[in-house]
């Protein structure tokens, strides 16, 4: 695979390798950078480990997701349409009931 041109994003494996290097490499005398990035007790480590866990969970979710077939899509669409109709009916009923009540309260003054 050709190397990316300047200004383009790095390929996935390069980003993953850089992140792996930052998390597990010993930079400094006692590996303070690796400890700084992986220790959840400090803010930087908390953010970095949270981002890494979120990325791993997101990747796992996307890999498990499947595109719905026509039958499943139709069931979802019908369920959404029924929900919209029910919510609209409830809203209309509430508005219809409260218009006379509002007129009595405001008009009574």
Protein backbone atom coordinates (compact mmCIF):
# COMPACT_ATOMS: atom_id res chain seq x y z
CA UNK A 1 0.00 0.00 0.00
CA UNK A 2 1.34 3.40 -0.94
CA UNK A 3 2.42 5.80 1.76
CA UNK A 4 -0.04 8.64 2.37
CA UNK A 5 0.75 12.02 0.89
CA UNK A 6 1.49 14.87 3.28
CA UNK A 7 -1.74 16.27 4.69
CA UNK A 8 -3.63 12.96 4.35
CA UNK A 9 -4.68 10.87 7.31
CA UNK A 10 -2.43 8.03 8.35
CA UNK A 11 -3.71 4.53 7.57
CA UNK A 12 -5.49 2.68 10.34
CA UNK A 13 -2.60 0.34 11.13
CA UNK A 14 -0.21 3.29 11.54
CA UNK A 15 -2.57 5.06 13.96
CA UNK A 16 -3.04 1.82 15.88
CA UNK A 17 0.71 1.23 16.02
CA UNK A 18 1.33 4.77 17.30
CA UNK A 19 -1.33 4.40 19.98
CA UNK A 20 0.09 1.01 20.98
CA UNK A 21 3.57 2.53 21.16
CA UNK A 22 2.33 5.33 23.40
CA UNK A 23 0.49 2.99 25.72
CA UNK A 24 3.05 0.23 26.18
CA UNK A 25 6.44 1.73 25.41
CA UNK A 26 8.92 2.77 28.06
CA UNK A 27 9.56 6.42 27.38
CA UNK A 28 11.77 7.98 30.00
CA UNK A 29 13.69 6.30 32.76
CA UNK A 30 10.82 4.54 34.48
CA UNK A 31 8.23 4.49 31.70
CA UNK A 32 6.53 7.57 33.09
CA UNK A 33 4.77 8.36 29.78
CA UNK A 34 3.24 4.88 29.54
CA UNK A 35 2.23 5.05 33.19
CA UNK A 36 0.84 8.55 32.69
CA UNK A 37 -1.34 7.43 29.79
CA UNK A 38 -2.61 4.21 31.34
CA UNK A 39 -3.17 5.28 34.97
CA UNK A 40 -6.85 6.09 35.52
CA UNK A 41 -6.11 8.01 38.72
CA UNK A 42 -4.80 11.05 36.82
CA UNK A 43 -6.85 13.10 34.34
CA UNK A 44 -4.73 12.36 31.27
CA UNK A 45 -4.76 8.61 31.84
CA UNK A 46 -8.46 8.70 32.59
CA UNK A 47 -9.21 10.41 29.28
CA UNK A 48 -6.82 8.26 27.24
CA UNK A 49 -7.98 4.93 28.65
CA UNK A 50 -11.61 6.03 28.35
CA UNK A 51 -11.06 6.97 24.70
CA UNK A 52 -9.31 3.67 23.97
CA UNK A 53 -12.09 1.66 25.65
CA UNK A 54 -14.73 3.68 23.78
CA UNK A 55 -12.92 3.05 20.49
CA UNK A 56 -12.68 -0.67 21.13
CA UNK A 57 -16.35 -0.90 22.14
CA UNK A 58 -17.43 1.13 19.09
CA UNK A 59 -15.38 -1.03 16.73
CA UNK A 60 -16.86 -4.19 18.26
CA UNK A 61 -20.39 -2.78 17.89
CA UNK A 62 -19.91 -1.81 14.25
CA UNK A 63 -18.50 -5.23 13.42
CA UNK A 64 -21.56 -6.94 14.94
CA UNK A 65 -24.15 -4.67 13.28
CA UNK A 66 -25.97 -5.96 10.23
CA UNK A 67 -28.10 -4.21 7.66
CA UNK A 68 -31.79 -5.05 8.15
CA UNK A 69 -33.53 -7.01 5.42
CA UNK A 70 -36.74 -5.74 3.82
CA UNK A 71 -39.05 -7.56 6.24
CA UNK A 72 -37.25 -6.26 9.33
CA UNK A 73 -37.11 -2.73 7.89
CA UNK A 74 -40.87 -2.80 7.21
CA UNK A 75 -41.58 -3.91 10.79
CA UNK A 76 -39.45 -1.06 12.17
CA UNK A 77 -41.10 1.49 9.87
CA UNK A 78 -44.62 0.33 10.84
CA UNK A 79 -43.75 0.45 14.55
CA UNK A 80 -42.41 4.01 14.17
CA UNK A 81 -45.51 5.11 12.24
CA UNK A 82 -47.82 3.65 14.90
CA UNK A 83 -45.81 5.42 17.60
CA UNK A 84 -46.05 8.75 15.75
CA UNK A 85 -49.81 8.29 15.33
CA UNK A 86 -50.33 7.45 19.02
CA UNK A 87 -48.26 10.41 20.18
CA UNK A 88 -50.09 12.72 17.78
CA UNK A 89 -53.47 11.50 19.00
CA UNK A 90 -52.45 12.02 22.63
CA UNK A 91 -51.20 15.54 21.86
CA UNK A 92 -54.38 16.40 19.95
CA UNK A 93 -56.56 15.06 22.78
CA UNK A 94 -54.67 17.00 25.45
CA UNK A 95 -54.89 20.19 23.38
CA UNK A 96 -58.60 19.59 22.73
CA UNK A 97 -59.32 19.09 26.44
CA UNK A 98 -57.26 22.04 27.70
CA UNK A 99 -58.59 24.69 25.27
CA UNK A 100 -62.00 24.93 27.04
CA UNK A 101 -60.35 24.69 30.47
CA UNK A 102 -57.97 27.51 29.55
CA UNK A 103 -60.87 29.62 28.27
CA UNK A 104 -62.76 29.09 31.54
CA UNK A 105 -59.74 30.06 33.65
CA UNK A 106 -58.69 33.09 31.57
CA UNK A 107 -62.21 34.15 30.57
CA UNK A 108 -63.52 34.00 34.13
CA UNK A 109 -61.52 37.06 35.23
